[in-house]
């Protein structure tokens, strides 16, 4: 039995931006932090807190004067200059969504659980089972872009 909710999902699936994907599903993409050496990735930052005990005398003086520390110092303990890189990560805990709108609504209601959440479209073009479900859901409504 087809209910109103399925009709509304079908309409949204037929008019949404599929993000250049023929059979899209939508997931929550988040930022994940991984510790690394400086320069290992495009998106990286140094940790905020530096342990003063790991700094050489020159860097310690800069630290106490609130001056900017160098990106790296040969005289300091290497652990004083720890960086992390930010990696895109698909969070499948909330599952997948048929529509970008439903995914965004989930993010809006639950953003405190995530680090920089955003809607991300994935394709299921090799998944015959999901393609059949998507074709069925799209066929419920005759709504078109």
C-alpha atoms as a PDB file:
ATOM      1  CA  UNK A   1       0.000   0.000   0.000  1.00  0.00           C
ATOM      2  CA  UNK A   2       1.393   3.364  -1.014  1.00  0.00           C
ATOM      3  CA  UNK A   3       0.927   6.062   1.605  1.00  0.00           C
ATOM      4  CA  UNK A   4       1.298   9.841   1.527  1.00  0.00           C
ATOM      5  CA  UNK A   5       4.830   9.735   2.948  1.00  0.00           C
ATOM      6  CA  UNK A   6       5.992   7.508   0.076  1.00  0.00           C
ATOM      7  CA  UNK A   7       4.356   9.848  -2.456  1.00  0.00           C
ATOM      8  CA  UNK A   8       6.156  12.835  -0.913  1.00  0.00           C
ATOM      9  CA  UNK A   9       9.496  10.982  -0.961  1.00  0.00           C
ATOM     10  CA  UNK A  10       8.898  10.031  -4.595  1.00  0.00           C
ATOM     11  CA  UNK A  11       8.132  13.634  -5.566  1.00  0.00           C
ATOM     12  CA  UNK A  12      11.300  14.879  -3.847  1.00  0.00           C
ATOM     13  CA  UNK A  13      13.392  12.140  -5.501  1.00  0.00           C
ATOM     14  CA  UNK A  14      12.085  13.211  -8.926  1.00  0.00           C
ATOM     15  CA  UNK A  15      12.789  16.936  -8.517  1.00  0.00           C
ATOM     16  CA  UNK A  16      15.970  16.996  -6.405  1.00  0.00           C
ATOM     17  CA  UNK A  17      19.507  17.683  -7.602  1.00  0.00           C
ATOM     18  CA  UNK A  18      21.011  14.217  -8.000  1.00  0.00           C
ATOM     19  CA  UNK A  19      24.535  15.626  -7.891  1.00  0.00           C
ATOM     20  CA  UNK A  20      25.509  14.074 -11.229  1.00  0.00           C
ATOM     21  CA  UNK A  21      24.624  10.615  -9.961  1.00  0.00           C
ATOM     22  CA  UNK A  22      22.074   8.473 -11.795  1.00  0.00           C
ATOM     23  CA  UNK A  23      21.019   6.452  -8.749  1.00  0.00           C
ATOM     24  CA  UNK A  24      21.795   8.668  -5.756  1.00  0.00           C
ATOM     25  CA  UNK A  25      21.569   8.006  -2.077  1.00  0.00           C
ATOM     26  CA  UNK A  26      22.557  10.625   0.450  1.00  0.00           C
ATOM     27  CA  UNK A  27      24.724  10.278   3.524  1.00  0.00           C
ATOM     28  CA  UNK A  28      26.200  12.478   6.221  1.00  0.00           C
ATOM     29  CA  UNK A  29      29.784  13.519   5.477  1.00  0.00           C
ATOM     30  CA  UNK A  30      31.836  14.726   8.451  1.00  0.00           C
ATOM     31  CA  UNK A  31      35.377  15.855   9.188  1.00  0.00           C
ATOM     32  CA  UNK A  32      37.576  13.379  11.005  1.00  0.00           C
ATOM     33  CA  UNK A  33      40.881  14.416  12.570  1.00  0.00           C
ATOM     34  CA  UNK A  34      44.010  12.259  12.260  1.00  0.00           C
ATOM     35  CA  UNK A  35      47.314  13.182  13.903  1.00  0.00           C
ATOM     36  CA  UNK A  36      50.165  13.562  11.453  1.00  0.00           C
ATOM     37  CA  UNK A  37      53.313  15.479  10.576  1.00  0.00           C
ATOM     38  CA  UNK A  38      52.992  18.993   9.169  1.00  0.00           C
ATOM     39  CA  UNK A  39      52.392  19.184   5.444  1.00  0.00           C
ATOM     40  CA  UNK A  40      51.122  15.643   4.990  1.00  0.00           C
ATOM     41  CA  UNK A  41      47.722  16.757   3.694  1.00  0.00           C
ATOM     42  CA  UNK A  42      46.107  19.777   2.093  1.00  0.00           C
ATOM     43  CA  UNK A  43      43.845  20.402   5.046  1.00  0.00           C
ATOM     44  CA  UNK A  44      45.905  20.382   8.229  1.00  0.00           C
ATOM     45  CA  UNK A  45      46.221  22.415  11.419  1.00  0.00           C
ATOM     46  CA  UNK A  46      48.550  22.432  14.380  1.00  0.00           C
ATOM     47  CA  UNK A  47      47.073  21.491  17.725  1.00  0.00           C
ATOM     48  CA  UNK A  48      46.114  24.501  19.836  1.00  0.00           C
ATOM     49  CA  UNK A  49      47.901  23.602  23.065  1.00  0.00           C
ATOM     50  CA  UNK A  50      51.684  23.330  23.017  1.00  0.00           C
ATOM     51  CA  UNK A  51      53.442  21.816  26.006  1.00  0.00           C
ATOM     52  CA  UNK A  52      55.986  24.482  27.083  1.00  0.00           C
ATOM     53  CA  UNK A  53      58.289  21.805  28.515  1.00  0.00           C
ATOM     54  CA  UNK A  54      58.919  20.535  24.979  1.00  0.00           C
ATOM     55  CA  UNK A  55      60.113  23.913  23.640  1.00  0.00           C
ATOM     56  CA  UNK A  56      63.675  25.175  23.304  1.00  0.00           C
ATOM     57  CA  UNK A  57      64.635  28.451  25.056  1.00  0.00           C
ATOM     58  CA  UNK A  58      63.936  30.659  22.004  1.00  0.00           C
ATOM     59  CA  UNK A  59      60.525  29.110  21.330  1.00  0.00           C
ATOM     60  CA  UNK A  60      59.678  29.141  25.038  1.00  0.00           C
ATOM     61  CA  UNK A  61      60.333  32.894  25.089  1.00  0.00           C
ATOM     62  CA  UNK A  62      58.014  33.330  22.074  1.00  0.00           C
ATOM     63  CA  UNK A  63      55.432  31.159  23.782  1.00  0.00           C
ATOM     64  CA  UNK A  64      55.479  33.288  26.965  1.00  0.00           C
ATOM     65  CA  UNK A  65      55.289  36.504  24.912  1.00  0.00           C
ATOM     66  CA  UNK A  66      52.295  35.101  22.942  1.00  0.00           C
ATOM     67  CA  UNK A  67      54.305  35.357  19.723  1.00  0.00           C
ATOM     68  CA  UNK A  68      53.605  32.912  16.923  1.00  0.00           C
ATOM     69  CA  UNK A  69      55.677  29.741  17.148  1.00  0.00           C
ATOM     70  CA  UNK A  70      57.458  28.482  14.044  1.00  0.00           C
ATOM     71  CA  UNK A  71      55.984  25.580  12.088  1.00  0.00           C
ATOM     72  CA  UNK A  72      58.964  23.487  13.123  1.00  0.00           C
ATOM     73  CA  UNK A  73      62.111  23.998  15.204  1.00  0.00           C
ATOM     74  CA  UNK A  74      65.153  21.696  15.162  1.00  0.00           C
ATOM     75  CA  UNK A  75      66.013  22.601  18.770  1.00  0.00           C
ATOM     76  CA  UNK A  76      62.599  21.726  20.221  1.00  0.00           C
ATOM     77  CA  UNK A  77      61.314  18.264  21.037  1.00  0.00           C
ATOM     78  CA  UNK A  78      59.529  17.037  17.846  1.00  0.00           C
ATOM     79  CA  UNK A  79      56.373  16.331  19.881  1.00  0.00           C
ATOM     80  CA  UNK A  80      56.019  20.086  20.421  1.00  0.00           C
ATOM     81  CA  UNK A  81      54.925  20.419  16.799  1.00  0.00           C
ATOM     82  CA  UNK A  82      52.100  17.945  16.415  1.00  0.00           C
ATOM     83  CA  UNK A  83      49.624  18.479  13.616  1.00  0.00           C
ATOM     84  CA  UNK A  84      46.387  16.894  12.591  1.00  0.00           C
ATOM     85  CA  UNK A  85      44.911  16.555   9.170  1.00  0.00           C
ATOM     86  CA  UNK A  86      41.231  16.761   8.429  1.00  0.00           C
ATOM     87  CA  UNK A  87      39.860  13.867   6.402  1.00  0.00           C
ATOM     88  CA  UNK A  88      36.379  13.595   4.895  1.00  0.00           C
ATOM     89  CA  UNK A  89      34.533  10.644   6.390  1.00  0.00           C
ATOM     90  CA  UNK A  90      31.107   9.198   5.595  1.00  0.00           C
ATOM     91  CA  UNK A  91      29.188   8.576   8.818  1.00  0.00           C
ATOM     92  CA  UNK A  92      26.837   5.663   8.194  1.00  0.00           C
ATOM     93  CA  UNK A  93      25.421   5.623  11.733  1.00  0.00           C
ATOM     94  CA  UNK A  94      22.236   7.441  10.653  1.00  0.00           C
ATOM     95  CA  UNK A  95      22.022   5.258   7.542  1.00  0.00           C
ATOM     96  CA  UNK A  96      21.394   6.485   4.023  1.00  0.00           C
ATOM     97  CA  UNK A  97      18.639   8.733   2.740  1.00  0.00           C
ATOM     98  CA  UNK A  98      16.664   8.680  -0.503  1.00  0.00           C
ATOM     99  CA  UNK A  99      16.650  12.483  -0.624  1.00  0.00           C
ATOM    100  CA  UNK A 100      19.164  15.220   0.077  1.00  0.00           C
ATOM    101  CA  UNK A 101      16.353  17.114   1.814  1.00  0.00           C
ATOM    102  CA  UNK A 102      15.806  14.333   4.386  1.00  0.00           C
ATOM    103  CA  UNK A 103      19.560  14.064   4.959  1.00  0.00           C
ATOM    104  CA  UNK A 104      19.790  17.834   5.552  1.00  0.00           C
ATOM    105  CA  UNK A 105      16.819  17.711   7.931  1.00  0.00           C
ATOM    106  CA  UNK A 106      18.599  14.966   9.880  1.00  0.00           C
ATOM    107  CA  UNK A 107      21.762  17.073  10.047  1.00  0.00           C
ATOM    108  CA  UNK A 108      19.832  20.158  11.168  1.00  0.00           C
ATOM    109  CA  UNK A 109      18.199  18.195  13.986  1.00  0.00           C
ATOM    110  CA  UNK A 110      21.379  16.364  15.059  1.00  0.00           C
ATOM    111  CA  UNK A 111      24.337  18.598  14.107  1.00  0.00           C
ATOM    112  CA  UNK A 112      25.667  18.590  17.683  1.00  0.00           C
ATOM    113  CA  UNK A 113      26.634  14.927  17.107  1.00  0.00           C
ATOM    114  CA  UNK A 114      28.873  15.747  14.136  1.00  0.00           C
ATOM    115  CA  UNK A 115      32.068  17.595  13.208  1.00  0.00           C
ATOM    116  CA  UNK A 116      31.224  19.862  10.226  1.00  0.00           C
ATOM    117  CA  UNK A 117      28.333  17.735   8.877  1.00  0.00           C
ATOM    118  CA  UNK A 118      27.177  18.076   5.279  1.00  0.00           C
ATOM    119  CA  UNK A 119      25.042  16.205   2.777  1.00  0.00           C
ATOM    120  CA  UNK A 120      26.995  13.984   0.423  1.00  0.00           C
ATOM    121  CA  UNK A 121      25.573  12.105  -2.555  1.00  0.00           C
ATOM    122  CA  UNK A 122      26.762   8.587  -3.292  1.00  0.00           C
ATOM    123  CA  UNK A 123      25.791   6.424  -6.224  1.00  0.00           C
ATOM    124  CA  UNK A 124      24.444   2.902  -6.099  1.00  0.00           C
ATOM    125  CA  UNK A 125      24.654   2.234  -9.823  1.00  0.00           C
ATOM    126  CA  UNK A 126      26.114  -1.267  -9.335  1.00  0.00           C
ATOM    127  CA  UNK A 127      23.635  -2.232  -6.630  1.00  0.00           C
ATOM    128  CA  UNK A 128      20.738  -3.838  -8.508  1.00  0.00           C
ATOM    129  CA  UNK A 129      18.655  -4.203  -5.348  1.00  0.00           C
ATOM    130  CA  UNK A 130      18.814  -0.471  -4.504  1.00  0.00           C
ATOM    131  CA  UNK A 131      18.355   0.543  -8.140  1.00  0.00           C
ATOM    132  CA  UNK A 132      15.094  -1.444  -8.172  1.00  0.00           C
ATOM    133  CA  UNK A 133      13.906   0.269  -4.988  1.00  0.00           C
ATOM    134  CA  UNK A 134      14.854   3.706  -6.354  1.00  0.00           C
ATOM    135  CA  UNK A 135      13.068   3.008  -9.663  1.00  0.00           C
ATOM    136  CA  UNK A 136       9.989   1.921  -7.730  1.00  0.00           C
ATOM    137  CA  UNK A 137      10.078   4.975  -5.455  1.00  0.00           C
ATOM    138  CA  UNK A 138      10.564   7.361  -8.389  1.00  0.00           C
ATOM    139  CA  UNK A 139       7.661   5.709 -10.241  1.00  0.00           C
ATOM    140  CA  UNK A 140       5.161   6.378  -7.451  1.00  0.00           C
ATOM    141  CA  UNK A 141       4.975  10.042  -8.411  1.00  0.00           C
ATOM    142  CA  UNK A 142       4.934  11.462 -11.903  1.00  0.00           C
ATOM    143  CA  UNK A 143       6.518  14.692 -10.639  1.00  0.00           C
ATOM    144  CA  UNK A 144       9.401  15.845 -12.850  1.00  0.00           C
ATOM    145  CA  UNK A 145      11.962  18.655 -12.752  1.00  0.00           C
END
